[in-house]
């Protein structure tokens, strides 16, 4: 008996689910509109769904996909189905993949995913991002747009962010994806300014159909997970060494991994009494493991130098010395397949412990949109193609 030939797929755009079980948001009668600008040319697509940290099912009455053409407006909406069914229920812990959707998407178009809730739900799992250059979400209730700060506690606490629930990513047939790059790290990656800056460079520099996947989680560390004494859930995720392999390689073949990780280990390297939690050797050990794990899957691995945090509330000379030591190792070691000097790209001239104010979001450690674009310009896409 012959087995049917299965077409291989890979995720083209996606992010890590954030755990908000300690900050549930009860919503109802919500229509979620997600617009995505992707540098892709395809006639087939699949939608990924997730309720990984959910406590209640997310029940969509319908999910629709459409293409927005600048010249003619919106094309016909196409239903997104799972096993041929219109209604989609994502139970707690579930991660689902839709049936293939036949729809022509060209590199100069924007797609829109529309979800409509079938029943009330307490949301505790979803994607978090700050940049709105590639993905943007709005919420409609009773035919009126509602600000996310009135819907979701996490956005009320931090209005700079946007939150997407249920929808986790987009898959394309593996055969049309020229290269797949995973960007792994913490909030500096998760916020999306860097990955969006790279995505915007791709069509400009004629690199269509390169998948760029965001695997950042805010507060993430290489060596340890969230502190259960502070947060009983994994809002800042499992340790990098625990999640790197599954988060990076579980959704299709990967050609290259970019790692920007370690600043949170440095910021928490010492306790209040000055006792050491993490040493330079610990951080280097973790970065080496990332490279080994990437190589075991046949992927190249480039490391990024850690960017300045001199104006942040976390700064101390002791921690700055540790950051500089990590960066010196990254610049001089020959263990990885190369590095991108993001520190040099955004440091203030004459005060290298500080972010250049032009690239500072305002807290001394995170990038704004200009900072993300500056960092993206410092990453050699040709190196990722090799």
Protein backbone atom coordinates (compact mmCIF):
# COMPACT_ATOMS: atom_id res chain seq x y z
CA UNK A 1 0.00 0.00 0.00
CA UNK A 2 1.51 3.33 -1.07
CA UNK A 3 1.58 6.23 1.33
CA UNK A 4 0.17 9.51 -0.05
CA UNK A 5 2.77 12.12 -0.91
CA UNK A 6 2.65 14.85 1.72
CA UNK A 7 3.60 18.34 0.66
CA UNK A 8 6.03 19.99 3.07
CA UNK A 9 5.17 23.36 4.62
CA UNK A 10 7.04 25.85 6.77
CA UNK A 11 6.00 28.91 8.74
CA UNK A 12 6.75 32.17 6.96
CA UNK A 13 5.56 34.64 9.58
CA UNK A 14 4.90 33.82 13.24
CA UNK A 15 5.83 34.60 16.83
CA UNK A 16 6.03 33.04 20.29
CA UNK A 17 2.90 32.77 22.39
CA UNK A 18 3.08 34.83 25.59
CA UNK A 19 1.73 33.37 28.84
CA UNK A 20 -0.88 35.67 30.41
CA UNK A 21 -2.66 33.21 32.69
CA UNK A 22 -2.04 35.57 35.59
CA UNK A 23 -3.56 38.48 33.59
CA UNK A 24 -6.73 37.10 31.94
CA UNK A 25 -8.84 39.38 29.74
CA UNK A 26 -12.52 38.47 29.28
CA UNK A 27 -13.88 39.53 25.89
CA UNK A 28 -16.99 38.92 23.79
CA UNK A 29 -18.54 40.00 20.50
CA UNK A 30 -15.11 40.78 19.09
CA UNK A 31 -14.09 40.82 15.45
CA UNK A 32 -10.28 40.80 15.11
CA UNK A 33 -8.78 42.26 11.93
CA UNK A 34 -5.11 41.41 11.32
CA UNK A 35 -3.39 43.02 8.32
CA UNK A 36 -0.04 41.65 7.19
CA UNK A 37 2.42 42.99 4.64
CA UNK A 38 4.56 40.09 3.47
CA UNK A 39 7.30 39.89 0.85
CA UNK A 40 5.97 36.73 -0.73
CA UNK A 41 4.65 35.43 -4.02
CA UNK A 42 2.36 32.40 -3.56
CA UNK A 43 -0.96 30.85 -4.53
CA UNK A 44 -1.36 28.78 -1.37
CA UNK A 45 -1.28 29.58 2.32
CA UNK A 46 -2.15 28.00 5.66
CA UNK A 47 -3.01 29.74 8.93
CA UNK A 48 -1.58 28.59 12.26
CA UNK A 49 -3.75 28.87 15.37
CA UNK A 50 -2.67 28.64 19.00
CA UNK A 51 -4.11 28.75 22.50
CA UNK A 52 -0.96 27.39 24.08
CA UNK A 53 -1.43 29.02 27.50
CA UNK A 54 -5.20 29.22 27.34
CA UNK A 55 -7.56 28.43 30.22
CA UNK A 56 -10.71 28.47 28.05
CA UNK A 57 -11.36 27.49 24.42
CA UNK A 58 -11.08 30.21 21.78
CA UNK A 59 -14.12 29.53 19.59
CA UNK A 60 -14.16 31.35 16.24
CA UNK A 61 -17.50 31.48 14.46
CA UNK A 62 -15.54 32.11 11.28
CA UNK A 63 -12.10 33.04 9.99
CA UNK A 64 -11.76 34.81 6.65
CA UNK A 65 -8.71 35.58 4.53
CA UNK A 66 -8.60 38.34 1.91
CA UNK A 67 -6.02 40.18 -0.17
CA UNK A 68 -6.00 43.98 -0.23
CA UNK A 69 -4.87 45.32 -3.60
CA UNK A 70 -3.77 48.99 -3.71
CA UNK A 71 -5.24 49.48 -7.17
CA UNK A 72 -8.61 47.72 -6.94
CA UNK A 73 -9.29 47.37 -3.22
CA UNK A 74 -10.17 44.19 -1.38
CA UNK A 75 -10.56 40.93 -3.29
CA UNK A 76 -13.15 38.31 -2.35
CA UNK A 77 -12.92 36.91 1.15
CA UNK A 78 -12.01 33.23 1.35
CA UNK A 79 -13.03 31.12 4.38
CA UNK A 80 -10.26 29.50 6.40
CA UNK A 81 -11.26 25.95 7.33
CA UNK A 82 -9.96 23.14 9.49
CA UNK A 83 -10.97 19.69 8.25
CA UNK A 84 -13.48 21.43 5.99
CA UNK A 85 -15.30 23.12 8.90
CA UNK A 86 -16.00 26.86 9.15
CA UNK A 87 -16.13 27.06 12.94
CA UNK A 88 -12.75 26.70 14.64
CA UNK A 89 -12.36 25.86 18.32
CA UNK A 90 -8.87 26.10 19.80
CA UNK A 91 -8.92 24.33 23.16
CA UNK A 92 -6.45 25.23 25.95
CA UNK A 93 -2.98 24.06 25.01
CA UNK A 94 -3.92 23.37 21.39
CA UNK A 95 -1.95 24.48 18.35
CA UNK A 96 -3.79 23.90 15.07
CA UNK A 97 -3.10 24.28 11.33
CA UNK A 98 -5.77 25.17 8.77
CA UNK A 99 -6.51 23.42 5.52
CA UNK A 100 -4.58 24.97 2.59
CA UNK A 101 -6.25 28.14 1.31
CA UNK A 102 -6.06 28.70 -2.44
CA UNK A 103 -5.50 32.44 -2.90
CA UNK A 104 -3.04 34.39 -5.04
CA UNK A 105 -0.75 36.65 -3.04
CA UNK A 106 1.83 38.84 -4.76
CA UNK A 107 4.70 40.69 -3.14
CA UNK A 108 3.01 44.07 -3.50
CA UNK A 109 -0.20 43.11 -1.68
CA UNK A 110 -1.40 43.11 1.92
CA UNK A 111 -3.44 40.26 3.33
CA UNK A 112 -6.09 40.48 6.03
CA UNK A 113 -7.20 37.78 8.46
CA UNK A 114 -10.59 38.34 10.08
CA UNK A 115 -11.69 36.32 13.10
CA UNK A 116 -15.13 36.47 14.72
CA UNK A 117 -15.77 35.08 18.19
CA UNK A 118 -18.65 32.65 18.67
CA UNK A 119 -18.77 32.93 22.48
CA UNK A 120 -17.14 34.81 25.38
CA UNK A 121 -13.62 33.82 26.34
CA UNK A 122 -11.00 34.67 28.95
CA UNK A 123 -7.86 35.24 26.88
CA UNK A 124 -4.56 34.24 28.47
CA UNK A 125 -2.40 33.41 25.44
CA UNK A 126 -1.38 35.33 22.35
CA UNK A 127 1.23 37.21 20.34
CA UNK A 128 2.67 40.48 21.61
CA UNK A 129 4.43 43.00 19.40
CA UNK A 130 5.18 46.72 19.34
CA UNK A 131 6.06 47.39 15.72
CA UNK A 132 3.14 47.90 13.36
CA UNK A 133 5.12 48.04 10.12
CA UNK A 134 4.38 44.46 9.02
CA UNK A 135 1.49 43.29 11.22
CA UNK A 136 -1.28 45.49 12.55
CA UNK A 137 -4.41 44.48 14.45
CA UNK A 138 -7.68 46.23 15.20
CA UNK A 139 -10.76 45.05 17.09
CA UNK A 140 -14.38 45.69 16.16
CA UNK A 141 -17.33 45.32 18.54
CA UNK A 142 -20.92 46.11 17.45
CA UNK A 143 -19.51 47.64 14.23
CA UNK A 144 -17.30 50.09 16.14
CA UNK A 145 -13.53 49.93 16.57
CA UNK A 146 -12.49 49.43 20.19
CA UNK A 147 -9.06 50.37 21.54
CA UNK A 148 -7.12 47.35 22.73
CA UNK A 149 -6.40 49.08 26.05
CA UNK A 150 -10.11 48.69 26.83
CA UNK A 151 -10.05 44.98 25.95
CA UNK A 152 -6.78 43.52 27.18
CA UNK A 153 -5.12 44.06 30.54
CA UNK A 154 -1.63 43.67 29.12
CA UNK A 155 -2.26 46.53 26.66
CA UNK A 156 -3.87 48.67 29.37
CA UNK A 157 -0.64 48.23 31.35
CA UNK A 158 1.49 49.04 28.30
CA UNK A 159 -0.39 50.84 25.47
CA UNK A 160 2.68 50.68 23.19
CA UNK A 161 2.04 46.99 22.53
CA UNK A 162 -0.55 45.25 20.39
CA UNK A 163 -2.03 41.83 21.08
CA UNK A 164 -3.17 39.09 18.66
CA UNK A 165 -5.11 36.11 19.95
CA UNK A 166 -5.86 32.75 18.35
CA UNK A 167 -3.88 33.40 15.17
CA UNK A 168 -0.23 32.38 15.59
CA UNK A 169 1.32 32.47 12.13
CA UNK A 170 1.28 31.77 8.42
CA UNK A 171 2.62 28.72 6.59
CA UNK A 172 3.74 28.47 2.97
CA UNK A 173 4.72 25.45 0.87
CA UNK A 174 8.35 24.67 1.62
CA UNK A 175 9.22 24.55 -2.08
CA UNK A 176 8.58 28.29 -2.61
CA UNK A 177 10.51 29.50 0.45
CA UNK A 178 14.03 30.33 -0.71
CA UNK A 179 15.53 30.68 2.76
CA UNK A 180 14.16 30.59 6.29
CA UNK A 181 15.74 32.71 9.00
CA UNK A 182 14.75 32.53 12.68
CA UNK A 183 15.50 35.52 14.92
CA UNK A 184 15.77 34.24 18.50
CA UNK A 185 15.92 36.34 21.66
CA UNK A 186 14.12 38.47 24.21
CA UNK A 187 11.92 41.60 24.09
CA UNK A 188 14.36 43.37 21.77
CA UNK A 189 13.43 40.72 19.20
CA UNK A 190 9.81 40.22 20.25
CA UNK A 191 8.90 43.90 19.84
CA UNK A 192 9.40 43.44 16.11
CA UNK A 193 11.22 46.64 15.17
CA UNK A 194 14.30 44.67 14.07
CA UNK A 195 12.49 41.85 12.26
CA UNK A 196 10.11 44.33 10.60
CA UNK A 197 13.07 46.44 9.51
CA UNK A 198 14.55 43.33 7.88
CA UNK A 199 11.22 42.40 6.27
CA UNK A 200 10.99 45.86 4.71
CA UNK A 201 14.50 45.48 3.30
CA UNK A 202 13.69 42.16 1.64
CA UNK A 203 11.60 43.42 -1.33
CA UNK A 204 13.73 46.56 -1.66
CA UNK A 205 16.88 44.46 -2.04
CA UNK A 206 15.13 41.81 -4.18
CA UNK A 207 15.05 39.02 -1.61
CA UNK A 208 11.47 37.81 -2.12
CA UNK A 209 10.17 34.64 -0.42
CA UNK A 210 12.69 34.72 2.42
CA UNK A 211 10.90 33.64 5.61
CA UNK A 212 11.81 35.66 8.69
CA UNK A 213 10.37 34.22 11.90
CA UNK A 214 10.31 36.06 15.24
CA UNK A 215 11.16 33.93 18.27
CA UNK A 216 11.54 36.61 20.92
CA UNK A 217 9.87 36.59 24.35
CA UNK A 218 9.92 39.63 26.63
CA UNK A 219 12.09 39.15 29.73
CA UNK A 220 13.59 35.92 28.35
CA UNK A 221 16.95 34.75 29.67
CA UNK A 222 19.39 32.17 28.34
CA UNK A 223 19.96 30.39 31.60
CA UNK A 224 16.76 30.45 33.68
CA UNK A 225 13.02 30.86 33.21
CA UNK A 226 10.62 33.22 34.96
CA UNK A 227 11.06 33.46 38.72
CA UNK A 228 8.05 31.58 40.21
CA UNK A 229 8.32 33.74 43.33
CA UNK A 230 7.53 36.80 41.20
CA UNK A 231 5.21 35.28 38.61
CA UNK A 232 3.69 31.79 39.04
CA UNK A 233 3.33 31.49 35.26
CA UNK A 234 5.86 31.64 32.43
CA UNK A 235 5.17 35.20 31.30
CA UNK A 236 8.85 35.60 30.47
CA UNK A 237 9.04 32.10 29.07
CA UNK A 238 11.14 29.08 29.67
CA UNK A 239 14.90 29.51 29.66
CA UNK A 240 16.48 29.93 26.25
CA UNK A 241 18.36 26.67 26.63
CA UNK A 242 15.06 24.88 27.26
CA UNK A 243 13.05 26.46 24.44
CA UNK A 244 15.65 27.14 21.73
CA UNK A 245 15.37 23.83 19.87
CA UNK A 246 11.57 23.50 19.91
CA UNK A 247 10.82 27.19 19.26
CA UNK A 248 13.31 27.33 16.41
CA UNK A 249 13.05 24.02 14.57
CA UNK A 250 9.57 22.57 15.21
CA UNK A 251 7.75 24.34 12.35
CA UNK A 252 9.87 23.53 9.31
CA UNK A 253 13.45 23.48 8.03
CA UNK A 254 15.65 26.44 9.01
CA UNK A 255 18.63 27.76 7.05
CA UNK A 256 19.95 30.33 9.50
CA UNK A 257 19.42 31.45 13.10
CA UNK A 258 20.22 34.93 14.40
CA UNK A 259 20.63 35.08 18.19
CA UNK A 260 20.21 38.31 20.16
CA UNK A 261 20.02 37.05 23.72
CA UNK A 262 21.69 37.49 27.08
CA UNK A 263 20.99 41.05 28.22
CA UNK A 264 18.42 39.89 30.80
CA UNK A 265 20.92 37.40 32.20
CA UNK A 266 23.35 40.28 32.63
CA UNK A 267 20.74 42.55 34.23
CA UNK A 268 19.98 39.82 36.80
CA UNK A 269 23.57 38.58 37.17
CA UNK A 270 23.77 39.68 40.83
CA UNK A 271 21.22 39.69 43.64
CA UNK A 272 20.59 42.66 45.95
CA UNK A 273 23.48 41.69 48.20
CA UNK A 274 25.90 41.42 45.28
CA UNK A 275 26.01 37.62 45.13
CA UNK A 276 26.62 36.34 41.61
CA UNK A 277 23.79 34.49 39.84
CA UNK A 278 25.33 34.30 36.36
CA UNK A 279 28.97 34.62 35.36
CA UNK A 280 30.55 35.50 32.03
CA UNK A 281 31.35 31.83 31.59
CA UNK A 282 27.67 30.91 32.14
CA UNK A 283 26.46 33.29 29.42
CA UNK A 284 29.16 32.15 26.98
CA UNK A 285 28.27 28.52 27.70
CA UNK A 286 24.63 29.25 26.75
CA UNK A 287 25.57 31.01 23.51
CA UNK A 288 27.82 28.11 22.55
CA UNK A 289 24.96 25.69 23.12
CA UNK A 290 22.74 27.70 20.76
CA UNK A 291 25.37 27.35 18.04
CA UNK A 292 25.75 23.61 18.64
CA UNK A 293 21.99 23.05 18.57
CA UNK A 294 21.61 25.07 15.35
CA UNK A 295 24.43 23.12 13.69
CA UNK A 296 22.84 19.81 14.76
CA UNK A 297 19.84 20.80 12.60
CA UNK A 298 22.00 21.84 9.66
CA UNK A 299 21.43 25.57 10.22
CA UNK A 300 23.99 28.35 10.39
CA UNK A 301 24.04 30.48 13.55
CA UNK A 302 25.04 34.15 13.80
CA UNK A 303 25.34 35.87 17.17
CA UNK A 304 24.58 39.53 17.87
CA UNK A 305 26.48 41.79 20.24
CA UNK A 306 24.41 43.03 23.17
CA UNK A 307 23.24 46.63 22.86
CA UNK A 308 23.77 49.41 25.44
CA UNK A 309 21.56 49.98 28.49
CA UNK A 310 23.39 52.91 30.12
CA UNK A 311 20.32 55.15 30.57
CA UNK A 312 18.12 52.36 31.92
CA UNK A 313 17.18 51.88 35.58
CA UNK A 314 19.23 48.66 35.57
CA UNK A 315 22.62 50.20 34.79
CA UNK A 316 25.72 49.71 36.93
CA UNK A 317 29.41 49.77 36.03
CA UNK A 318 29.68 46.15 37.15
CA UNK A 319 26.97 45.02 34.74
CA UNK A 320 28.39 47.14 31.93
CA UNK A 321 31.75 45.42 32.35
CA UNK A 322 29.99 42.07 32.00
CA UNK A 323 28.16 43.21 28.84
CA UNK A 324 31.40 44.43 27.28
CA UNK A 325 33.08 41.12 28.12
CA UNK A 326 30.30 39.15 26.42
CA UNK A 327 30.55 41.39 23.37
CA UNK A 328 34.31 41.01 23.21
CA UNK A 329 33.90 37.23 23.20
CA UNK A 330 31.28 37.43 20.41
CA UNK A 331 33.56 39.65 18.30
CA UNK A 332 36.64 37.48 18.71
CA UNK A 333 35.39 33.91 19.06
CA UNK A 334 35.33 31.58 16.06
CA UNK A 335 32.64 29.25 17.38
CA UNK A 336 29.62 30.68 15.54
CA UNK A 337 29.20 31.25 11.80
CA UNK A 338 29.66 34.98 12.26
CA UNK A 339 28.24 37.91 14.18
CA UNK A 340 26.38 41.17 13.68
CA UNK A 341 27.67 44.12 15.69
CA UNK A 342 24.39 45.67 16.81
CA UNK A 343 26.11 47.34 19.78
CA UNK A 344 28.32 49.35 17.43
CA UNK A 345 25.34 50.26 15.24
CA UNK A 346 23.28 51.98 17.97
CA UNK A 347 25.76 53.08 20.66
CA UNK A 348 26.06 56.80 21.38
CA UNK A 349 29.25 58.34 20.04
CA UNK A 350 31.57 59.11 22.94
CA UNK A 351 29.36 57.26 25.45
CA UNK A 352 29.23 53.65 24.24
CA UNK A 353 27.42 52.50 27.38
CA UNK A 354 24.34 54.43 26.18
CA UNK A 355 21.91 53.94 23.32
CA UNK A 356 21.99 56.78 20.83
CA UNK A 357 18.95 58.91 21.70
CA UNK A 358 17.76 58.70 18.11
CA UNK A 359 17.22 54.96 18.58
CA UNK A 360 16.00 54.90 22.21
CA UNK A 361 12.34 54.05 22.92
CA UNK A 362 12.62 56.11 26.11
CA UNK A 363 13.67 53.54 28.70
CA UNK A 364 17.37 53.41 27.80
CA UNK A 365 17.35 49.78 26.70
CA UNK A 366 14.66 49.14 24.08
CA UNK A 367 14.73 50.35 20.50
CA UNK A 368 12.22 52.57 18.75
CA UNK A 369 11.29 52.14 15.08
CA UNK A 370 14.35 54.10 13.93
CA UNK A 371 16.55 51.91 16.11
CA UNK A 372 15.07 48.76 14.62
CA UNK A 373 15.71 50.06 11.11
CA UNK A 374 19.28 51.00 12.05
CA UNK A 375 19.91 47.51 13.41
CA UNK A 376 18.27 45.89 10.39
CA UNK A 377 20.61 47.86 8.14
CA UNK A 378 23.58 46.43 10.08
CA UNK A 379 22.54 42.84 9.28
CA UNK A 380 24.02 41.47 6.08
CA UNK A 381 21.18 39.62 4.32
CA UNK A 382 23.69 38.09 1.87
CA UNK A 383 25.34 36.36 4.83
CA UNK A 384 21.99 34.80 5.72
CA UNK A 385 21.63 33.50 2.16
CA UNK A 386 24.89 31.56 2.22
